[in-house]
Amino acid sequence: MTEKLNSMRLLEQQKIKFTLREFPDTIHSADGVADHFGLPHNLVYKTLVVLPPQGKPMLIMVAGSRELDLKKVAKATGHKKVQMASKKEAESLTGLQTGGISALALLHKNFTVYIDQPALEMDRILVSAGKRGVNLELPVQDLMRVTKAKAVEVT
C-alpha cells in the first residue's frame, strides 16, 4: 500500500469517505486507469492544467473519455483565449508529475478548479491522489466542496 498522501489526509480531516485505487505507475492516462480497473471511461477523471492569458493557471477535471474544448473553457471562465499547459509547464507549475496531477493535492496553491458538467450526473468518480499510480474514488459533491470546483461545460 502507498504511503498516506496529503490528499488522503485532507479527505480524512474532512470526514469524507474515499476508496484508494492503486495501479501500476506506468499507466499515465485516465482511460488506462479505467481499463485497468474494468471501469467505464467516464468514471475516471484527469486533471488538466490550462493557462489563461494572465493570472494563475486553472485546473480542469474532465473524464478521461472526453476531449477538452479550449473555446468552451475560455467562454466558461471569462477569458478571450486559453491554452493547455505543456507537460513540462504543468509539472513545473504544480510540482506533480503528469498522470498524478490532482486538485486535492494542490489546494495549498489556490488554483481555480473547474469540473466538467457531466460529472454532476455521477455519484462517485476517480481522481488522482497527487501521485502516479494512486487514484481516489469519492463522491462528486464532496470533491467539488473540498476543491471549491465550479461545474462548467468544457467538452
C-alpha atoms as a PDB file:
ATOM      1  CA  MET A   1       0.000   0.000   0.000  1.00  0.00           C
ATOM      2  CA  THR A   2       1.161   3.502  -0.815  1.00  0.00           C
ATOM      3  CA  GLU A   3       2.211   5.942   1.892  1.00  0.00           C
ATOM      4  CA  LYS A   4      -0.501   8.305   3.049  1.00  0.00           C
ATOM      5  CA  LEU A   5      -0.645  11.299   0.715  1.00  0.00           C
ATOM      6  CA  ASN A   6      -1.733  14.838   1.615  1.00  0.00           C
ATOM      7  CA  SER A   7      -4.901  14.377  -0.458  1.00  0.00           C
ATOM      8  CA  MET A   8      -5.854  11.389   1.723  1.00  0.00           C
ATOM      9  CA  ARG A   9      -5.122  13.280   4.942  1.00  0.00           C
ATOM     10  CA  LEU A  10      -7.281  16.153   3.718  1.00  0.00           C
ATOM     11  CA  LEU A  11     -10.234  13.869   2.968  1.00  0.00           C
ATOM     12  CA  GLU A  12      -9.866  12.130   6.331  1.00  0.00           C
ATOM     13  CA  GLN A  13      -9.817  15.510   8.133  1.00  0.00           C
ATOM     14  CA  GLN A  14     -12.997  16.448   6.273  1.00  0.00           C
ATOM     15  CA  LYS A  15     -14.526  13.049   7.196  1.00  0.00           C
ATOM     16  CA  ILE A  16     -15.016  12.211   3.517  1.00  0.00           C
ATOM     17  CA  LYS A  17     -15.096   8.514   2.716  1.00  0.00           C
ATOM     18  CA  PHE A  18     -12.907   7.521  -0.203  1.00  0.00           C
ATOM     19  CA  THR A  19     -11.592   4.344  -1.764  1.00  0.00           C
ATOM     20  CA  LEU A  20      -7.887   4.101  -2.520  1.00  0.00           C
ATOM     21  CA  ARG A  21      -7.286   2.692  -6.011  1.00  0.00           C
ATOM     22  CA  GLU A  22      -3.675   1.761  -6.754  1.00  0.00           C
ATOM     23  CA  PHE A  23      -2.414   0.741 -10.184  1.00  0.00           C
ATOM     24  CA  PRO A  24       0.948   0.463 -11.972  1.00  0.00           C
ATOM     25  CA  ASP A  25       2.557   3.913 -12.247  1.00  0.00           C
ATOM     26  CA  THR A  26       3.389   3.095 -15.850  1.00  0.00           C
ATOM     27  CA  ILE A  27      -0.259   3.916 -16.650  1.00  0.00           C
ATOM     28  CA  HIS A  28      -0.359   7.651 -17.412  1.00  0.00           C
ATOM     29  CA  SER A  29      -3.886   8.140 -18.746  1.00  0.00           C
ATOM     30  CA  ALA A  30      -7.346   8.209 -17.211  1.00  0.00           C
ATOM     31  CA  ASP A  31      -8.551   5.773 -19.874  1.00  0.00           C
ATOM     32  CA  GLY A  32      -5.678   3.433 -18.985  1.00  0.00           C
ATOM     33  CA  VAL A  33      -6.730   3.569 -15.323  1.00  0.00           C
ATOM     34  CA  ALA A  34     -10.345   2.811 -16.270  1.00  0.00           C
ATOM     35  CA  ASP A  35      -9.215  -0.153 -18.377  1.00  0.00           C
ATOM     36  CA  HIS A  36      -7.018  -1.441 -15.533  1.00  0.00           C
ATOM     37  CA  PHE A  37      -9.966  -1.494 -13.119  1.00  0.00           C
ATOM     38  CA  GLY A  38     -12.557  -2.550 -15.709  1.00  0.00           C
ATOM     39  CA  LEU A  39     -14.498   0.687 -15.202  1.00  0.00           C
ATOM     40  CA  PRO A  40     -16.340   2.853 -17.724  1.00  0.00           C
ATOM     41  CA  HIS A  41     -14.038   5.580 -19.056  1.00  0.00           C
ATOM     42  CA  ASN A  42     -16.438   8.318 -17.935  1.00  0.00           C
ATOM     43  CA  LEU A  43     -15.793   7.473 -14.236  1.00  0.00           C
ATOM     44  CA  VAL A  44     -12.066   8.241 -14.242  1.00  0.00           C
ATOM     45  CA  TYR A  45     -11.212  11.933 -14.388  1.00  0.00           C
ATOM     46  CA  LYS A  46      -7.972  13.568 -15.462  1.00  0.00           C
ATOM     47  CA  THR A  47      -6.857  16.945 -14.143  1.00  0.00           C
ATOM     48  CA  LEU A  48      -5.598  19.283 -16.851  1.00  0.00           C
ATOM     49  CA  VAL A  49      -3.635  22.491 -16.383  1.00  0.00           C
ATOM     50  CA  VAL A  50      -4.955  25.346 -18.520  1.00  0.00           C
ATOM     51  CA  LEU A  51      -3.295  28.733 -18.864  1.00  0.00           C
ATOM     52  CA  PRO A  52      -5.240  31.982 -19.164  1.00  0.00           C
ATOM     53  CA  PRO A  53      -3.557  34.970 -20.894  1.00  0.00           C
ATOM     54  CA  GLN A  54      -2.594  36.312 -17.470  1.00  0.00           C
ATOM     55  CA  GLY A  55      -3.053  35.212 -13.899  1.00  0.00           C
ATOM     56  CA  LYS A  56      -2.911  31.831 -12.231  1.00  0.00           C
ATOM     57  CA  PRO A  57      -3.263  28.573 -14.124  1.00  0.00           C
ATOM     58  CA  MET A  58      -6.579  26.739 -13.806  1.00  0.00           C
ATOM     59  CA  LEU A  59      -7.140  23.073 -13.029  1.00  0.00           C
ATOM     60  CA  ILE A  60      -9.887  21.419 -15.024  1.00  0.00           C
ATOM     61  CA  MET A  61     -11.149  17.928 -14.210  1.00  0.00           C
ATOM     62  CA  VAL A  62     -12.516  16.069 -17.222  1.00  0.00           C
ATOM     63  CA  ALA A  63     -13.495  12.440 -17.798  1.00  0.00           C
ATOM     64  CA  GLY A  64     -10.700  10.543 -19.498  1.00  0.00           C
ATOM     65  CA  SER A  65     -13.074   9.693 -22.332  1.00  0.00           C
ATOM     66  CA  ARG A  66     -13.772  13.339 -23.169  1.00  0.00           C
ATOM     67  CA  GLU A  67     -11.817  15.998 -25.082  1.00  0.00           C
ATOM     68  CA  LEU A  68     -11.338  19.455 -23.609  1.00  0.00           C
ATOM     69  CA  ASP A  69     -12.635  22.262 -25.857  1.00  0.00           C
ATOM     70  CA  LEU A  70     -10.430  25.317 -25.213  1.00  0.00           C
ATOM     71  CA  LYS A  71     -13.002  27.707 -26.733  1.00  0.00           C
ATOM     72  CA  LYS A  72     -15.598  26.437 -24.252  1.00  0.00           C
ATOM     73  CA  VAL A  73     -13.062  26.714 -21.416  1.00  0.00           C
ATOM     74  CA  ALA A  74     -12.319  30.338 -22.336  1.00  0.00           C
ATOM     75  CA  LYS A  75     -16.006  31.219 -22.503  1.00  0.00           C
ATOM     76  CA  ALA A  76     -16.878  29.393 -19.253  1.00  0.00           C
ATOM     77  CA  THR A  77     -14.006  31.023 -17.355  1.00  0.00           C
ATOM     78  CA  GLY A  78     -14.427  34.538 -18.734  1.00  0.00           C
ATOM     79  CA  HIS A  79     -11.289  34.672 -20.868  1.00  0.00           C
ATOM     80  CA  LYS A  80     -10.884  35.524 -24.547  1.00  0.00           C
ATOM     81  CA  LYS A  81      -8.432  32.697 -25.073  1.00  0.00           C
ATOM     82  CA  VAL A  82      -6.746  29.959 -23.045  1.00  0.00           C
ATOM     83  CA  GLN A  83      -4.171  27.315 -23.835  1.00  0.00           C
ATOM     84  CA  MET A  84      -3.166  23.937 -22.497  1.00  0.00           C
ATOM     85  CA  ALA A  85      -0.002  23.876 -20.422  1.00  0.00           C
ATOM     86  CA  SER A  86       2.699  21.702 -21.933  1.00  0.00           C
ATOM     87  CA  LYS A  87       3.690  18.614 -19.951  1.00  0.00           C
ATOM     88  CA  LYS A  88       6.804  20.448 -18.738  1.00  0.00           C
ATOM     89  CA  GLU A  89       4.809  23.583 -17.773  1.00  0.00           C
ATOM     90  CA  ALA A  90       2.130  21.539 -15.985  1.00  0.00           C
ATOM     91  CA  GLU A  91       4.743  19.692 -13.928  1.00  0.00           C
ATOM     92  CA  SER A  92       6.651  22.892 -13.144  1.00  0.00           C
ATOM     93  CA  LEU A  93       3.513  24.836 -12.123  1.00  0.00           C
ATOM     94  CA  THR A  94       2.056  22.062  -9.965  1.00  0.00           C
ATOM     95  CA  GLY A  95       5.153  20.288  -8.673  1.00  0.00           C
ATOM     96  CA  LEU A  96       3.452  16.999  -9.636  1.00  0.00           C
ATOM     97  CA  GLN A  97       4.093  14.567 -12.489  1.00  0.00           C
ATOM     98  CA  THR A  98       1.582  14.435 -15.310  1.00  0.00           C
ATOM     99  CA  GLY A  99      -0.602  11.432 -14.664  1.00  0.00           C
ATOM    100  CA  GLY A 100      -0.550  12.397 -10.987  1.00  0.00           C
ATOM    101  CA  ILE A 101      -1.792  15.994 -11.056  1.00  0.00           C
ATOM    102  CA  SER A 102      -4.576  16.374  -8.509  1.00  0.00           C
ATOM    103  CA  ALA A 103      -6.751  19.286  -7.429  1.00  0.00           C
ATOM    104  CA  LEU A 104      -6.945  17.606  -3.999  1.00  0.00           C
ATOM    105  CA  ALA A 105      -3.159  17.675  -3.659  1.00  0.00           C
ATOM    106  CA  LEU A 106      -2.889  21.293  -4.823  1.00  0.00           C
ATOM    107  CA  LEU A 107      -5.364  23.094  -2.554  1.00  0.00           C
ATOM    108  CA  HIS A 108      -2.492  24.980  -0.886  1.00  0.00           C
ATOM    109  CA  LYS A 109      -1.611  26.552  -4.263  1.00  0.00           C
ATOM    110  CA  ASN A 110      -5.049  28.200  -4.590  1.00  0.00           C
ATOM    111  CA  PHE A 111      -5.616  27.294  -8.222  1.00  0.00           C
ATOM    112  CA  THR A 112      -9.120  27.895  -9.530  1.00  0.00           C
ATOM    113  CA  VAL A 113     -10.664  24.463 -10.059  1.00  0.00           C
ATOM    114  CA  TYR A 114     -13.335  23.508 -12.572  1.00  0.00           C
ATOM    115  CA  ILE A 115     -15.058  20.211 -13.255  1.00  0.00           C
ATOM    116  CA  ASP A 116     -16.791  19.258 -16.465  1.00  0.00           C
ATOM    117  CA  GLN A 117     -20.590  19.333 -16.179  1.00  0.00           C
ATOM    118  CA  PRO A 118     -21.160  15.597 -16.897  1.00  0.00           C
ATOM    119  CA  ALA A 119     -19.528  14.797 -13.526  1.00  0.00           C
ATOM    120  CA  LEU A 120     -22.706  16.053 -11.862  1.00  0.00           C
ATOM    121  CA  GLU A 121     -24.529  13.040 -13.292  1.00  0.00           C
ATOM    122  CA  MET A 122     -22.218  10.673 -11.363  1.00  0.00           C
ATOM    123  CA  ASP A 123     -22.373   9.686  -7.716  1.00  0.00           C
ATOM    124  CA  ARG A 124     -18.654   8.927  -7.463  1.00  0.00           C
ATOM    125  CA  ILE A 125     -15.630   9.403  -9.705  1.00  0.00           C
ATOM    126  CA  LEU A 126     -11.937   8.567  -9.540  1.00  0.00           C
ATOM    127  CA  VAL A 127      -9.349  11.341  -9.493  1.00  0.00           C
ATOM    128  CA  SER A 128      -5.617  11.362  -8.953  1.00  0.00           C
ATOM    129  CA  ALA A 129      -4.390  11.435  -5.365  1.00  0.00           C
ATOM    130  CA  GLY A 130      -1.357  13.515  -6.358  1.00  0.00           C
ATOM    131  CA  LYS A 131       0.959  10.694  -7.346  1.00  0.00           C
ATOM    132  CA  ARG A 132       1.114   8.479 -10.419  1.00  0.00           C
ATOM    133  CA  GLY A 133      -0.348   5.079  -9.668  1.00  0.00           C
ATOM    134  CA  VAL A 134      -2.745   6.303  -6.985  1.00  0.00           C
ATOM    135  CA  ASN A 135      -6.336   7.398  -7.518  1.00  0.00           C
ATOM    136  CA  LEU A 136      -9.062   8.145  -5.032  1.00  0.00           C
ATOM    137  CA  GLU A 137     -12.686   7.275  -5.622  1.00  0.00           C
ATOM    138  CA  LEU A 138     -15.018   9.669  -3.848  1.00  0.00           C
ATOM    139  CA  PRO A 139     -18.420  11.345  -4.125  1.00  0.00           C
ATOM    140  CA  VAL A 140     -18.526  14.104  -6.751  1.00  0.00           C
ATOM    141  CA  GLN A 141     -20.284  16.543  -4.401  1.00  0.00           C
ATOM    142  CA  ASP A 142     -17.592  16.070  -1.726  1.00  0.00           C
ATOM    143  CA  LEU A 143     -14.837  16.535  -4.324  1.00  0.00           C
ATOM    144  CA  MET A 144     -16.444  19.758  -5.519  1.00  0.00           C
ATOM    145  CA  ARG A 145     -16.951  21.070  -1.991  1.00  0.00           C
ATOM    146  CA  VAL A 146     -13.357  20.420  -0.876  1.00  0.00           C
ATOM    147  CA  THR A 147     -11.733  21.768  -4.054  1.00  0.00           C
ATOM    148  CA  LYS A 148     -14.310  24.580  -4.494  1.00  0.00           C
ATOM    149  CA  ALA A 149     -14.695  23.323  -8.056  1.00  0.00           C
ATOM    150  CA  LYS A 150     -17.186  25.064 -10.297  1.00  0.00           C
ATOM    151  CA  ALA A 151     -19.114  22.912 -12.765  1.00  0.00           C
ATOM    152  CA  VAL A 152     -18.693  24.159 -16.347  1.00  0.00           C
ATOM    153  CA  GLU A 153     -19.435  22.836 -19.829  1.00  0.00           C
ATOM    154  CA  VAL A 154     -15.932  22.411 -21.316  1.00  0.00           C
ATOM    155  CA  THR A 155     -16.063  19.306 -23.528  1.00  0.00           C
END
